[in-house]
Amino acid sequence: MRHRISGYRLNRNKATRNVLRRSLIISLFANNRIKTTETKANAIRGDAEKLITLARNSAKGTDIDKVNARRLAATKLVNAEAVKKLFDEVAPKFEKRNGGYTRMLKLGPRVGDAAEMVLLELVEE
């Protein structure tokens, strides 16, 4: 029974699953949208929104808060370019928005294995 077990295992072990999530989030911030399966999109959506909220809220804080927020994001993303883009380009777009930074558009089943495909993108406003 799966009582009190949260998250998506994605048929991978822990290390591979973490690398997959990290690479998908980095691609989302780099390209503003990614095409992936619905399960993978659901697995990363919450993490991506939390990182955007962290970056957005750090702009209001002191210099120490800004540095700390960048370090926290760097531990999740590892890629320095992705952290810089998150704080300098992505987060300022959402200053006046209280959550709901991403949108999922269903694209239908994939031809090879009929997996449900979605387009996960950052909301433009």
PDB file of N, CA and C in Angstrom:
ATOM      1  N   MET A   1       0.842  -1.190   0.000  1.00  0.00           N
ATOM      2  CA  MET A   1       0.000   0.000   0.000  1.00  0.00           C
ATOM      3  C   MET A   1       0.882   1.246   0.000  1.00  0.00           C
ATOM      4  N   ARG A   2       0.419   2.294  -0.652  1.00  0.00           N
ATOM      5  CA  ARG A   2       1.204   3.520  -0.776  1.00  0.00           C
ATOM      6  C   ARG A   2       0.720   4.614   0.172  1.00  0.00           C
ATOM      7  N   HIS A   3       0.273   4.255   1.345  1.00  0.00           N
ATOM      8  CA  HIS A   3      -0.200   5.270   2.275  1.00  0.00           C
ATOM      9  C   HIS A   3       0.946   6.180   2.698  1.00  0.00           C
ATOM     10  N   ARG A   4       0.686   7.479   2.703  1.00  0.00           N
ATOM     11  CA  ARG A   4       1.621   8.509   3.180  1.00  0.00           C
ATOM     12  C   ARG A   4       2.932   8.539   2.396  1.00  0.00           C
ATOM     13  N   ILE A   5       2.911   8.150   1.139  1.00  0.00           N
ATOM     14  CA  ILE A   5       4.090   8.232   0.281  1.00  0.00           C
ATOM     15  C   ILE A   5       3.789   9.273  -0.781  1.00  0.00           C
ATOM     16  N   SER A   6       4.577  10.343  -0.804  1.00  0.00           N
ATOM     17  CA  SER A   6       4.304  11.422  -1.754  1.00  0.00           C
ATOM     18  C   SER A   6       5.364  11.447  -2.841  1.00  0.00           C
ATOM     19  N   GLY A   7       5.053  12.126  -3.925  1.00  0.00           N
ATOM     20  CA  GLY A   7       6.004  12.293  -5.007  1.00  0.00           C
ATOM     21  C   GLY A   7       5.848  11.230  -6.083  1.00  0.00           C
ATOM     22  N   TYR A   8       6.557  11.429  -7.176  1.00  0.00           N
ATOM     23  CA  TYR A   8       6.510  10.537  -8.322  1.00  0.00           C
ATOM     24  C   TYR A   8       7.841   9.799  -8.429  1.00  0.00           C
ATOM     25  N   ARG A   9       7.795   8.480  -8.559  1.00  0.00           N
ATOM     26  CA  ARG A   9       9.023   7.700  -8.655  1.00  0.00           C
ATOM     27  C   ARG A   9       9.565   7.653 -10.075  1.00  0.00           C
ATOM     28  N   LEU A  10       8.715   7.762 -11.059  1.00  0.00           N
ATOM     29  CA  LEU A  10       9.099   7.853 -12.467  1.00  0.00           C
ATOM     30  C   LEU A  10       9.939   6.674 -12.952  1.00  0.00           C
ATOM     31  N   ASN A  11       9.780   5.502 -12.314  1.00  0.00           N
ATOM     32  CA  ASN A  11      10.498   4.285 -12.716  1.00  0.00           C
ATOM     33  C   ASN A  11      12.013   4.452 -12.681  1.00  0.00           C
ATOM     34  N   ARG A  12      12.529   5.229 -11.749  1.00  0.00           N
ATOM     35  CA  ARG A  12      13.961   5.485 -11.654  1.00  0.00           C
ATOM     36  C   ARG A  12      14.399   5.389 -10.207  1.00  0.00           C
ATOM     37  N   ASN A  13      15.706   5.178 -10.002  1.00  0.00           N
ATOM     38  CA  ASN A  13      16.196   5.222  -8.634  1.00  0.00           C
ATOM     39  C   ASN A  13      16.356   6.682  -8.206  1.00  0.00           C
ATOM     40  N   LYS A  14      16.693   6.917  -6.972  1.00  0.00           N
ATOM     41  CA  LYS A  14      16.666   8.267  -6.408  1.00  0.00           C
ATOM     42  C   LYS A  14      17.609   9.227  -7.131  1.00  0.00           C
ATOM     43  N   ALA A  15      18.834   8.803  -7.377  1.00  0.00           N
ATOM     44  CA  ALA A  15      19.814   9.696  -8.004  1.00  0.00           C
ATOM     45  C   ALA A  15      19.397  10.064  -9.426  1.00  0.00           C
ATOM     46  N   THR A  16      18.948   9.100 -10.191  1.00  0.00           N
ATOM     47  CA  THR A  16      18.535   9.363 -11.567  1.00  0.00           C
ATOM     48  C   THR A  16      17.296  10.245 -11.604  1.00  0.00           C
ATOM     49  N   ARG A  17      16.382  10.017 -10.663  1.00  0.00           N
ATOM     50  CA  ARG A  17      15.166  10.822 -10.579  1.00  0.00           C
ATOM     51  C   ARG A  17      15.498  12.277 -10.265  1.00  0.00           C
ATOM     52  N   ASN A  18      16.438  12.506  -9.354  1.00  0.00           N
ATOM     53  CA  ASN A  18      16.835  13.879  -9.013  1.00  0.00           C
ATOM     54  C   ASN A  18      17.497  14.586 -10.184  1.00  0.00           C
ATOM     55  N   VAL A  19      18.338  13.865 -10.922  1.00  0.00           N
ATOM     56  CA  VAL A  19      18.996  14.452 -12.093  1.00  0.00           C
ATOM     57  C   VAL A  19      17.962  14.792 -13.163  1.00  0.00           C
ATOM     58  N   LEU A  20      16.993  13.918 -13.363  1.00  0.00           N
ATOM     59  CA  LEU A  20      15.940  14.165 -14.344  1.00  0.00           C
ATOM     60  C   LEU A  20      15.135  15.403 -13.971  1.00  0.00           C
ATOM     61  N   ARG A  21      14.727  15.496 -12.722  1.00  0.00           N
ATOM     62  CA  ARG A  21      13.965  16.672 -12.275  1.00  0.00           C
ATOM     63  C   ARG A  21      14.764  17.954 -12.455  1.00  0.00           C
ATOM     64  N   ARG A  22      16.026  17.911 -12.058  1.00  0.00           N
ATOM     65  CA  ARG A  22      16.879  19.085 -12.165  1.00  0.00           C
ATOM     66  C   ARG A  22      17.028  19.523 -13.619  1.00  0.00           C
ATOM     67  N   SER A  23      17.263  18.580 -14.512  1.00  0.00           N
ATOM     68  CA  SER A  23      17.459  18.937 -15.919  1.00  0.00           C
ATOM     69  C   SER A  23      16.170  19.470 -16.546  1.00  0.00           C
ATOM     70  N   LEU A  24      15.026  18.930 -16.158  1.00  0.00           N
ATOM     71  CA  LEU A  24      13.761  19.437 -16.683  1.00  0.00           C
ATOM     72  C   LEU A  24      13.488  20.861 -16.200  1.00  0.00           C
ATOM     73  N   ILE A  25      13.781  21.136 -14.934  1.00  0.00           N
ATOM     74  CA  ILE A  25      13.555  22.484 -14.403  1.00  0.00           C
ATOM     75  C   ILE A  25      14.506  23.479 -15.064  1.00  0.00           C
ATOM     76  N   ILE A  26      15.765  23.088 -15.254  1.00  0.00           N
ATOM     77  CA  ILE A  26      16.731  23.965 -15.926  1.00  0.00           C
ATOM     78  C   ILE A  26      16.270  24.250 -17.352  1.00  0.00           C
ATOM     79  N   SER A  27      15.766  23.240 -18.048  1.00  0.00           N
ATOM     80  CA  SER A  27      15.269  23.439 -19.413  1.00  0.00           C
ATOM     81  C   SER A  27      14.049  24.355 -19.426  1.00  0.00           C
ATOM     82  N   LEU A  28      13.194  24.215 -18.432  1.00  0.00           N
ATOM     83  CA  LEU A  28      12.011  25.078 -18.344  1.00  0.00           C
ATOM     84  C   LEU A  28      12.418  26.537 -18.186  1.00  0.00           C
ATOM     85  N   PHE A  29      13.375  26.814 -17.318  1.00  0.00           N
ATOM     86  CA  PHE A  29      13.812  28.196 -17.122  1.00  0.00           C
ATOM     87  C   PHE A  29      14.593  28.721 -18.317  1.00  0.00           C
ATOM     88  N   ALA A  30      15.336  27.857 -18.995  1.00  0.00           N
ATOM     89  CA  ALA A  30      16.138  28.297 -20.138  1.00  0.00           C
ATOM     90  C   ALA A  30      15.270  28.599 -21.358  1.00  0.00           C
ATOM     91  N   ASN A  31      14.236  27.795 -21.585  1.00  0.00           N
ATOM     92  CA  ASN A  31      13.445  27.922 -22.808  1.00  0.00           C
ATOM     93  C   ASN A  31      12.041  28.466 -22.593  1.00  0.00           C
ATOM     94  N   ASN A  32      11.648  28.678 -21.348  1.00  0.00           N
ATOM     95  CA  ASN A  32      10.312  29.146 -20.962  1.00  0.00           C
ATOM     96  C   ASN A  32       9.218  28.126 -21.247  1.00  0.00           C
ATOM     97  N   ARG A  33       9.515  27.012 -21.871  1.00  0.00           N
ATOM     98  CA  ARG A  33       8.531  25.944 -22.085  1.00  0.00           C
ATOM     99  C   ARG A  33       9.259  24.658 -22.427  1.00  0.00           C
ATOM    100  N   ILE A  34       8.645  23.542 -22.040  1.00  0.00           N
ATOM    101  CA  ILE A  34       9.179  22.235 -22.390  1.00  0.00           C
ATOM    102  C   ILE A  34       8.023  21.320 -22.768  1.00  0.00           C
ATOM    103  N   LYS A  35       8.309  20.382 -23.643  1.00  0.00           N
ATOM    104  CA  LYS A  35       7.334  19.372 -24.037  1.00  0.00           C
ATOM    105  C   LYS A  35       7.772  18.065 -23.388  1.00  0.00           C
ATOM    106  N   THR A  36       6.914  17.515 -22.527  1.00  0.00           N
ATOM    107  CA  THR A  36       7.264  16.321 -21.777  1.00  0.00           C
ATOM    108  C   THR A  36       6.001  15.533 -21.469  1.00  0.00           C
ATOM    109  N   THR A  37       6.163  14.412 -20.792  1.00  0.00           N
ATOM    110  CA  THR A  37       4.993  13.624 -20.418  1.00  0.00           C
ATOM    111  C   THR A  37       4.268  14.295 -19.256  1.00  0.00           C
ATOM    112  N   GLU A  38       3.014  13.975 -19.112  1.00  0.00           N
ATOM    113  CA  GLU A  38       2.195  14.607 -18.071  1.00  0.00           C
ATOM    114  C   GLU A  38       2.714  14.269 -16.674  1.00  0.00           C
ATOM    115  N   THR A  39       3.162  13.051 -16.462  1.00  0.00           N
ATOM    116  CA  THR A  39       3.656  12.642 -15.155  1.00  0.00           C
ATOM    117  C   THR A  39       4.925  13.393 -14.776  1.00  0.00           C
ATOM    118  N   LYS A  40       5.845  13.551 -15.732  1.00  0.00           N
ATOM    119  CA  LYS A  40       7.076  14.295 -15.452  1.00  0.00           C
ATOM    120  C   LYS A  40       6.771  15.760 -15.193  1.00  0.00           C
ATOM    121  N   ALA A  41       5.826  16.318 -15.939  1.00  0.00           N
ATOM    122  CA  ALA A  41       5.450  17.721 -15.734  1.00  0.00           C
ATOM    123  C   ALA A  41       4.843  17.916 -14.354  1.00  0.00           C
ATOM    124  N   ASN A  42       3.995  16.995 -13.924  1.00  0.00           N
ATOM    125  CA  ASN A  42       3.416  17.094 -12.586  1.00  0.00           C
ATOM    126  C   ASN A  42       4.478  16.940 -11.510  1.00  0.00           C
ATOM    127  N   ALA A  43       5.511  16.146 -11.789  1.00  0.00           N
ATOM    128  CA  ALA A  43       6.569  15.921 -10.812  1.00  0.00           C
ATOM    129  C   ALA A  43       7.423  17.165 -10.593  1.00  0.00           C
ATOM    130  N   ILE A  44       7.616  17.981 -11.627  1.00  0.00           N
ATOM    131  CA  ILE A  44       8.510  19.138 -11.482  1.00  0.00           C
ATOM    132  C   ILE A  44       7.776  20.449 -11.278  1.00  0.00           C
ATOM    133  N   ARG A  45       6.494  20.482 -11.533  1.00  0.00           N
ATOM    134  CA  ARG A  45       5.754  21.743 -11.499  1.00  0.00           C
ATOM    135  C   ARG A  45       5.841  22.443 -10.143  1.00  0.00           C
ATOM    136  N   GLY A  46       5.638  21.703  -9.077  1.00  0.00           N
ATOM    137  CA  GLY A  46       5.698  22.288  -7.735  1.00  0.00           C
ATOM    138  C   GLY A  46       7.074  22.815  -7.392  1.00  0.00           C
ATOM    139  N   ASP A  47       8.120  22.060  -7.743  1.00  0.00           N
ATOM    140  CA  ASP A  47       9.486  22.497  -7.460  1.00  0.00           C
ATOM    141  C   ASP A  47       9.830  23.768  -8.225  1.00  0.00           C
ATOM    142  N   ALA A  48       9.417  23.839  -9.483  1.00  0.00           N
ATOM    143  CA  ALA A  48       9.692  25.024 -10.300  1.00  0.00           C
ATOM    144  C   ALA A  48       8.975  26.246  -9.722  1.00  0.00           C
ATOM    145  N   GLU A  49       7.733  26.075  -9.293  1.00  0.00           N
ATOM    146  CA  GLU A  49       6.985  27.200  -8.734  1.00  0.00           C
ATOM    147  C   GLU A  49       7.593  27.659  -7.413  1.00  0.00           C
ATOM    148  N   LYS A  50       8.077  26.730  -6.601  1.00  0.00           N
ATOM    149  CA  LYS A  50       8.718  27.107  -5.335  1.00  0.00           C
ATOM    150  C   LYS A  50      10.002  27.888  -5.588  1.00  0.00           C
ATOM    151  N   LEU A  51      10.769  27.494  -6.614  1.00  0.00           N
ATOM    152  CA  LEU A  51      11.995  28.227  -6.936  1.00  0.00           C
ATOM    153  C   LEU A  51      11.683  29.638  -7.433  1.00  0.00           C
ATOM    154  N   ILE A  52      10.636  29.781  -8.226  1.00  0.00           N
ATOM    155  CA  ILE A  52      10.250  31.116  -8.703  1.00  0.00           C
ATOM    156  C   ILE A  52       9.797  31.979  -7.534  1.00  0.00           C
ATOM    157  N   THR A  53       9.044  31.405  -6.598  1.00  0.00           N
ATOM    158  CA  THR A  53       8.604  32.148  -5.420  1.00  0.00           C
ATOM    159  C   THR A  53       9.799  32.567  -4.575  1.00  0.00           C
ATOM    160  N   LEU A  54      10.764  31.681  -4.407  1.00  0.00           N
ATOM    161  CA  LEU A  54      11.980  32.005  -3.661  1.00  0.00           C
ATOM    162  C   LEU A  54      12.701  33.185  -4.304  1.00  0.00           C
ATOM    163  N   ALA A  55      12.850  33.149  -5.618  1.00  0.00           N
ATOM    164  CA  ALA A  55      13.546  34.228  -6.325  1.00  0.00           C
ATOM    165  C   ALA A  55      12.749  35.527  -6.278  1.00  0.00           C
ATOM    166  N   ARG A  56      11.439  35.421  -6.386  1.00  0.00           N
ATOM    167  CA  ARG A  56      10.584  36.609  -6.382  1.00  0.00           C
ATOM    168  C   ARG A  56      10.593  37.285  -5.013  1.00  0.00           C
ATOM    169  N   ASN A  57      10.527  36.500  -3.946  1.00  0.00           N
ATOM    170  CA  ASN A  57      10.498  37.058  -2.599  1.00  0.00           C
ATOM    171  C   ASN A  57      11.856  37.584  -2.151  1.00  0.00           C
ATOM    172  N   SER A  58      12.933  37.082  -2.740  1.00  0.00           N
ATOM    173  CA  SER A  58      14.259  37.541  -2.331  1.00  0.00           C
ATOM    174  C   SER A  58      14.517  38.981  -2.767  1.00  0.00           C
ATOM    175  N   ALA A  59      13.821  39.456  -3.789  1.00  0.00           N
ATOM    176  CA  ALA A  59      14.011  40.825  -4.265  1.00  0.00           C
ATOM    177  C   ALA A  59      13.571  41.840  -3.218  1.00  0.00           C
ATOM    178  N   LYS A  60      12.665  41.452  -2.331  1.00  0.00           N
ATOM    179  CA  LYS A  60      12.163  42.367  -1.303  1.00  0.00           C
ATOM    180  C   LYS A  60      13.054  42.415  -0.070  1.00  0.00           C
ATOM    181  N   GLY A  61      13.949  41.439   0.076  1.00  0.00           N
ATOM    182  CA  GLY A  61      14.744  41.328   1.285  1.00  0.00           C
ATOM    183  C   GLY A  61      16.040  42.118   1.246  1.00  0.00           C
ATOM    184  N   THR A  62      16.838  41.944   2.291  1.00  0.00           N
ATOM    185  CA  THR A  62      18.143  42.596   2.387  1.00  0.00           C
ATOM    186  C   THR A  62      19.138  41.872   1.488  1.00  0.00           C
ATOM    187  N   ASP A  63      20.353  42.395   1.442  1.00  0.00           N
ATOM    188  CA  ASP A  63      21.395  41.777   0.624  1.00  0.00           C
ATOM    189  C   ASP A  63      21.707  40.360   1.098  1.00  0.00           C
ATOM    190  N   ILE A  64      21.671  40.153   2.412  1.00  0.00           N
ATOM    191  CA  ILE A  64      21.943  38.822   2.957  1.00  0.00           C
ATOM    192  C   ILE A  64      20.858  37.847   2.507  1.00  0.00           C
ATOM    193  N   ASP A  65      19.611  38.295   2.508  1.00  0.00           N
ATOM    194  CA  ASP A  65      18.512  37.441   2.049  1.00  0.00           C
ATOM    195  C   ASP A  65      18.667  37.087   0.576  1.00  0.00           C
ATOM    196  N   LYS A  66      19.122  38.042  -0.221  1.00  0.00           N
ATOM    197  CA  LYS A  66      19.311  37.790  -1.653  1.00  0.00           C
ATOM    198  C   LYS A  66      20.393  36.749  -1.894  1.00  0.00           C
ATOM    199  N   VAL A  67      21.494  36.874  -1.180  1.00  0.00           N
ATOM    200  CA  VAL A  67      22.593  35.911  -1.324  1.00  0.00           C
ATOM    201  C   VAL A  67      22.146  34.536  -0.856  1.00  0.00           C
ATOM    202  N   ASN A  68      21.429  34.504   0.270  1.00  0.00           N
ATOM    203  CA  ASN A  68      20.963  33.223   0.794  1.00  0.00           C
ATOM    204  C   ASN A  68      19.989  32.552  -0.167  1.00  0.00           C
ATOM    205  N   ALA A  69      19.106  33.326  -0.768  1.00  0.00           N
ATOM    206  CA  ALA A  69      18.150  32.769  -1.716  1.00  0.00           C
ATOM    207  C   ALA A  69      18.867  32.206  -2.941  1.00  0.00           C
ATOM    208  N   ARG A  70      19.875  32.905  -3.431  1.00  0.00           N
ATOM    209  CA  ARG A  70      20.633  32.402  -4.581  1.00  0.00           C
ATOM    210  C   ARG A  70      21.359  31.104  -4.231  1.00  0.00           C
ATOM    211  N   ARG A  71      21.869  31.021  -3.013  1.00  0.00           N
ATOM    212  CA  ARG A  71      22.549  29.797  -2.599  1.00  0.00           C
ATOM    213  C   ARG A  71      21.576  28.638  -2.482  1.00  0.00           C
ATOM    214  N   LEU A  72      20.380  28.896  -1.961  1.00  0.00           N
ATOM    215  CA  LEU A  72      19.368  27.849  -1.866  1.00  0.00           C
ATOM    216  C   LEU A  72      18.965  27.358  -3.261  1.00  0.00           C
ATOM    217  N   ALA A  73      18.788  28.284  -4.187  1.00  0.00           N
ATOM    218  CA  ALA A  73      18.436  27.903  -5.556  1.00  0.00           C
ATOM    219  C   ALA A  73      19.586  27.152  -6.225  1.00  0.00           C
ATOM    220  N   ALA A  74      20.819  27.535  -5.916  1.00  0.00           N
ATOM    221  CA  ALA A  74      21.978  26.870  -6.510  1.00  0.00           C
ATOM    222  C   ALA A  74      22.096  25.424  -6.028  1.00  0.00           C
ATOM    223  N   THR A  75      21.672  25.151  -4.797  1.00  0.00           N
ATOM    224  CA  THR A  75      21.720  23.765  -4.327  1.00  0.00           C
ATOM    225  C   THR A  75      20.699  22.904  -5.053  1.00  0.00           C
ATOM    226  N   LYS A  76      19.577  23.489  -5.455  1.00  0.00           N
ATOM    227  CA  LYS A  76      18.550  22.728  -6.175  1.00  0.00           C
ATOM    228  C   LYS A  76      18.900  22.573  -7.654  1.00  0.00           C
ATOM    229  N   LEU A  77      19.428  23.646  -8.277  1.00  0.00           N
ATOM    230  CA  LEU A  77      19.645  23.642  -9.724  1.00  0.00           C
ATOM    231  C   LEU A  77      21.053  23.254 -10.145  1.00  0.00           C
ATOM    232  N   VAL A  78      22.057  23.570  -9.336  1.00  0.00           N
ATOM    233  CA  VAL A  78      23.470  23.294  -9.584  1.00  0.00           C
ATOM    234  C   VAL A  78      24.037  24.124 -10.732  1.00  0.00           C
ATOM    235  N   ASN A  79      23.279  24.401 -11.761  1.00  0.00           N
ATOM    236  CA  ASN A  79      23.735  25.146 -12.924  1.00  0.00           C
ATOM    237  C   ASN A  79      23.711  26.650 -12.620  1.00  0.00           C
ATOM    238  N   ALA A  80      24.862  27.306 -12.680  1.00  0.00           N
ATOM    239  CA  ALA A  80      24.957  28.722 -12.341  1.00  0.00           C
ATOM    240  C   ALA A  80      24.205  29.609 -13.329  1.00  0.00           C
ATOM    241  N   GLU A  81      24.229  29.229 -14.603  1.00  0.00           N
ATOM    242  CA  GLU A  81      23.510  30.013 -15.613  1.00  0.00           C
ATOM    243  C   GLU A  81      22.003  29.974 -15.376  1.00  0.00           C
ATOM    244  N   ALA A  82      21.490  28.825 -14.956  1.00  0.00           N
ATOM    245  CA  ALA A  82      20.056  28.693 -14.693  1.00  0.00           C
ATOM    246  C   ALA A  82      19.653  29.542 -13.482  1.00  0.00           C
ATOM    247  N   VAL A  83      20.506  29.576 -12.460  1.00  0.00           N
ATOM    248  CA  VAL A  83      20.216  30.393 -11.273  1.00  0.00           C
ATOM    249  C   VAL A  83      20.203  31.864 -11.646  1.00  0.00           C
ATOM    250  N   LYS A  84      21.179  32.279 -12.451  1.00  0.00           N
ATOM    251  CA  LYS A  84      21.239  33.676 -12.863  1.00  0.00           C
ATOM    252  C   LYS A  84      20.002  34.062 -13.684  1.00  0.00           C
ATOM    253  N   LYS A  85      19.603  33.202 -14.608  1.00  0.00           N
ATOM    254  CA  LYS A  85      18.417  33.495 -15.420  1.00  0.00           C
ATOM    255  C   LYS A  85      17.156  33.524 -14.563  1.00  0.00           C
ATOM    256  N   LEU A  86      17.066  32.614 -13.591  1.00  0.00           N
ATOM    257  CA  LEU A  86      15.910  32.574 -12.698  1.00  0.00           C
ATOM    258  C   LEU A  86      15.766  33.881 -11.933  1.00  0.00           C
ATOM    259  N   PHE A  87      16.840  34.389 -11.373  1.00  0.00           N
ATOM    260  CA  PHE A  87      16.766  35.587 -10.545  1.00  0.00           C
ATOM    261  C   PHE A  87      16.722  36.876 -11.359  1.00  0.00           C
ATOM    262  N   ASP A  88      17.367  36.899 -12.529  1.00  0.00           N
ATOM    263  CA  ASP A  88      17.463  38.140 -13.294  1.00  0.00           C
ATOM    264  C   ASP A  88      16.371  38.304 -14.347  1.00  0.00           C
ATOM    265  N   GLU A  89      15.849  37.204 -14.880  1.00  0.00           N
ATOM    266  CA  GLU A  89      14.866  37.318 -15.962  1.00  0.00           C
ATOM    267  C   GLU A  89      13.495  36.743 -15.607  1.00  0.00           C
ATOM    268  N   VAL A  90      13.466  35.559 -15.024  1.00  0.00           N
ATOM    269  CA  VAL A  90      12.191  34.884 -14.781  1.00  0.00           C
ATOM    270  C   VAL A  90      11.433  35.507 -13.614  1.00  0.00           C
ATOM    271  N   ALA A  91      12.077  35.655 -12.470  1.00  0.00           N
ATOM    272  CA  ALA A  91      11.384  36.153 -11.270  1.00  0.00           C
ATOM    273  C   ALA A  91      10.840  37.575 -11.413  1.00  0.00           C
ATOM    274  N   PRO A  92      11.549  38.513 -12.038  1.00  0.00           N
ATOM    275  CA  PRO A  92      10.975  39.860 -12.168  1.00  0.00           C
ATOM    276  C   PRO A  92       9.683  39.907 -12.977  1.00  0.00           C
ATOM    277  N   LYS A  93       9.463  38.947 -13.876  1.00  0.00           N
ATOM    278  CA  LYS A  93       8.217  38.918 -14.643  1.00  0.00           C
ATOM    279  C   LYS A  93       7.011  38.630 -13.756  1.00  0.00           C
ATOM    280  N   PHE A  94       7.243  37.977 -12.615  1.00  0.00           N
ATOM    281  CA  PHE A  94       6.145  37.540 -11.759  1.00  0.00           C
ATOM    282  C   PHE A  94       6.066  38.328 -10.455  1.00  0.00           C
ATOM    283  N   GLU A  95       6.570  39.563 -10.428  1.00  0.00           N
ATOM    284  CA  GLU A  95       6.564  40.355  -9.203  1.00  0.00           C
ATOM    285  C   GLU A  95       5.168  40.564  -8.643  1.00  0.00           C
ATOM    286  N   LYS A  96       4.196  40.801  -9.514  1.00  0.00           N
ATOM    287  CA  LYS A  96       2.852  41.116  -9.053  1.00  0.00           C
ATOM    288  C   LYS A  96       1.915  39.920  -9.093  1.00  0.00           C
ATOM    289  N   ARG A  97       2.444  38.737  -9.327  1.00  0.00           N
ATOM    290  CA  ARG A  97       1.600  37.538  -9.426  1.00  0.00           C
ATOM    291  C   ARG A  97       1.811  36.669  -8.192  1.00  0.00           C
ATOM    292  N   ASN A  98       0.727  36.256  -7.565  1.00  0.00           N
ATOM    293  CA  ASN A  98       0.811  35.441  -6.354  1.00  0.00           C
ATOM    294  C   ASN A  98       0.598  33.963  -6.669  1.00  0.00           C
ATOM    295  N   GLY A  99       1.573  33.345  -7.291  1.00  0.00           N
ATOM    296  CA  GLY A  99       1.479  31.928  -7.587  1.00  0.00           C
ATOM    297  C   GLY A  99       0.905  31.678  -8.975  1.00  0.00           C
ATOM    298  N   GLY A 100       0.873  30.412  -9.353  1.00  0.00           N
ATOM    299  CA  GLY A 100       0.366  30.041 -10.661  1.00  0.00           C
ATOM    300  C   GLY A 100       1.265  30.513 -11.777  1.00  0.00           C
ATOM    301  N   TYR A 101       2.554  30.229 -11.667  1.00  0.00           N
ATOM    302  CA  TYR A 101       3.524  30.724 -12.643  1.00  0.00           C
ATOM    303  C   TYR A 101       3.625  29.837 -13.880  1.00  0.00           C
ATOM    304  N   THR A 102       3.109  28.615 -13.794  1.00  0.00           N
ATOM    305  CA  THR A 102       3.221  27.686 -14.910  1.00  0.00           C
ATOM    306  C   THR A 102       1.840  27.277 -15.419  1.00  0.00           C
ATOM    307  N   ARG A 103       1.820  26.804 -16.652  1.00  0.00           N
ATOM    308  CA  ARG A 103       0.587  26.349 -17.285  1.00  0.00           C
ATOM    309  C   ARG A 103       0.902  25.051 -18.025  1.00  0.00           C
ATOM    310  N   MET A 104      -0.049  24.105 -17.967  1.00  0.00           N
ATOM    311  CA  MET A 104       0.109  22.841 -18.689  1.00  0.00           C
ATOM    312  C   MET A 104      -0.959  22.742 -19.761  1.00  0.00           C
ATOM    313  N   LEU A 105      -0.528  22.586 -21.000  1.00  0.00           N
ATOM    314  CA  LEU A 105      -1.443  22.407 -22.122  1.00  0.00           C
ATOM    315  C   LEU A 105      -1.306  20.972 -22.622  1.00  0.00           C
ATOM    316  N   LYS A 106      -2.409  20.244 -22.660  1.00  0.00           N
ATOM    317  CA  LYS A 106      -2.367  18.850 -23.095  1.00  0.00           C
ATOM    318  C   LYS A 106      -2.237  18.790 -24.613  1.00  0.00           C
ATOM    319  N   LEU A 107      -1.330  17.924 -25.083  1.00  0.00           N
ATOM    320  CA  LEU A 107      -1.062  17.790 -26.510  1.00  0.00           C
ATOM    321  C   LEU A 107      -1.581  16.487 -27.091  1.00  0.00           C
ATOM    322  N   GLY A 108      -2.026  15.575 -26.260  1.00  0.00           N
ATOM    323  CA  GLY A 108      -2.499  14.284 -26.749  1.00  0.00           C
ATOM    324  C   GLY A 108      -1.450  13.210 -26.559  1.00  0.00           C
ATOM    325  N   PRO A 109      -1.752  11.981 -26.968  1.00  0.00           N
ATOM    326  CA  PRO A 109      -0.820  10.874 -26.747  1.00  0.00           C
ATOM    327  C   PRO A 109       0.365  10.898 -27.707  1.00  0.00           C
ATOM    328  N   ARG A 110       1.496  10.405 -27.210  1.00  0.00           N
ATOM    329  CA  ARG A 110       2.697  10.266 -28.031  1.00  0.00           C
ATOM    330  C   ARG A 110       2.516   9.061 -28.950  1.00  0.00           C
ATOM    331  N   VAL A 111       3.066   9.142 -30.141  1.00  0.00           N
ATOM    332  CA  VAL A 111       2.844   8.109 -31.144  1.00  0.00           C
ATOM    333  C   VAL A 111       3.467   6.775 -30.726  1.00  0.00           C
ATOM    334  N   GLY A 112       4.659   6.780 -30.185  1.00  0.00           N
ATOM    335  CA  GLY A 112       5.360   5.532 -29.912  1.00  0.00           C
ATOM    336  C   GLY A 112       4.742   4.684 -28.829  1.00  0.00           C
ATOM    337  N   ASP A 113       4.408   5.290 -27.680  1.00  0.00           N
ATOM    338  CA  ASP A 113       3.921   4.496 -26.554  1.00  0.00           C
ATOM    339  C   ASP A 113       2.613   5.023 -25.967  1.00  0.00           C
ATOM    340  N   ALA A 114       1.998   5.983 -26.607  1.00  0.00           N
ATOM    341  CA  ALA A 114       0.713   6.547 -26.197  1.00  0.00           C
ATOM    342  C   ALA A 114       0.762   7.219 -24.828  1.00  0.00           C
ATOM    343  N   ALA A 115       1.941   7.714 -24.431  1.00  0.00           N
ATOM    344  CA  ALA A 115       2.043   8.472 -23.184  1.00  0.00           C
ATOM    345  C   ALA A 115       1.433   9.853 -23.398  1.00  0.00           C
ATOM    346  N   GLU A 116       0.695  10.345 -22.425  1.00  0.00           N
ATOM    347  CA  GLU A 116       0.072  11.673 -22.536  1.00  0.00           C
ATOM    348  C   GLU A 116       1.156  12.748 -22.524  1.00  0.00           C
ATOM    349  N   MET A 117       1.200  13.570 -23.546  1.00  0.00           N
ATOM    350  CA  MET A 117       2.195  14.630 -23.652  1.00  0.00           C
ATOM    351  C   MET A 117       1.566  15.966 -23.295  1.00  0.00           C
ATOM    352  N   VAL A 118       2.359  16.827 -22.669  1.00  0.00           N
ATOM    353  CA  VAL A 118       1.898  18.167 -22.308  1.00  0.00           C
ATOM    354  C   VAL A 118       2.979  19.180 -22.652  1.00  0.00           C
ATOM    355  N   LEU A 119       2.546  20.411 -22.756  1.00  0.00           N
ATOM    356  CA  LEU A 119       3.472  21.527 -22.918  1.00  0.00           C
ATOM    357  C   LEU A 119       3.438  22.295 -21.598  1.00  0.00           C
ATOM    358  N   LEU A 120       4.530  22.268 -20.864  1.00  0.00           N
ATOM    359  CA  LEU A 120       4.639  22.976 -19.596  1.00  0.00           C
ATOM    360  C   LEU A 120       5.358  24.294 -19.889  1.00  0.00           C
ATOM    361  N   GLU A 121       4.695  25.406 -19.620  1.00  0.00           N
ATOM    362  CA  GLU A 121       5.294  26.697 -19.953  1.00  0.00           C
ATOM    363  C   GLU A 121       5.082  27.700 -18.837  1.00  0.00           C
ATOM    364  N   LEU A 122       5.955  28.691 -18.816  1.00  0.00           N
ATOM    365  CA  LEU A 122       5.815  29.790 -17.870  1.00  0.00           C
ATOM    366  C   LEU A 122       4.743  30.737 -18.389  1.00  0.00           C
ATOM    367  N   VAL A 123       3.899  31.224 -17.511  1.00  0.00           N
ATOM    368  CA  VAL A 123       2.810  32.113 -17.895  1.00  0.00           C
ATOM    369  C   VAL A 123       3.398  33.466 -18.298  1.00  0.00           C
ATOM    370  N   GLU A 124       2.935  34.010 -19.410  1.00  0.00           N
ATOM    371  CA  GLU A 124       3.379  35.325 -19.876  1.00  0.00           C
ATOM    372  C   GLU A 124       2.343  36.372 -19.513  1.00  0.00           C
ATOM    373  N   GLU A 125       2.673  37.295 -18.634  1.00  0.00           N
ATOM    374  CA  GLU A 125       1.745  38.384 -18.310  1.00  0.00           C
ATOM    375  C   GLU A 125       2.488  39.610 -17.922  1.00  0.00           C
TER     376      GLU A 125
END
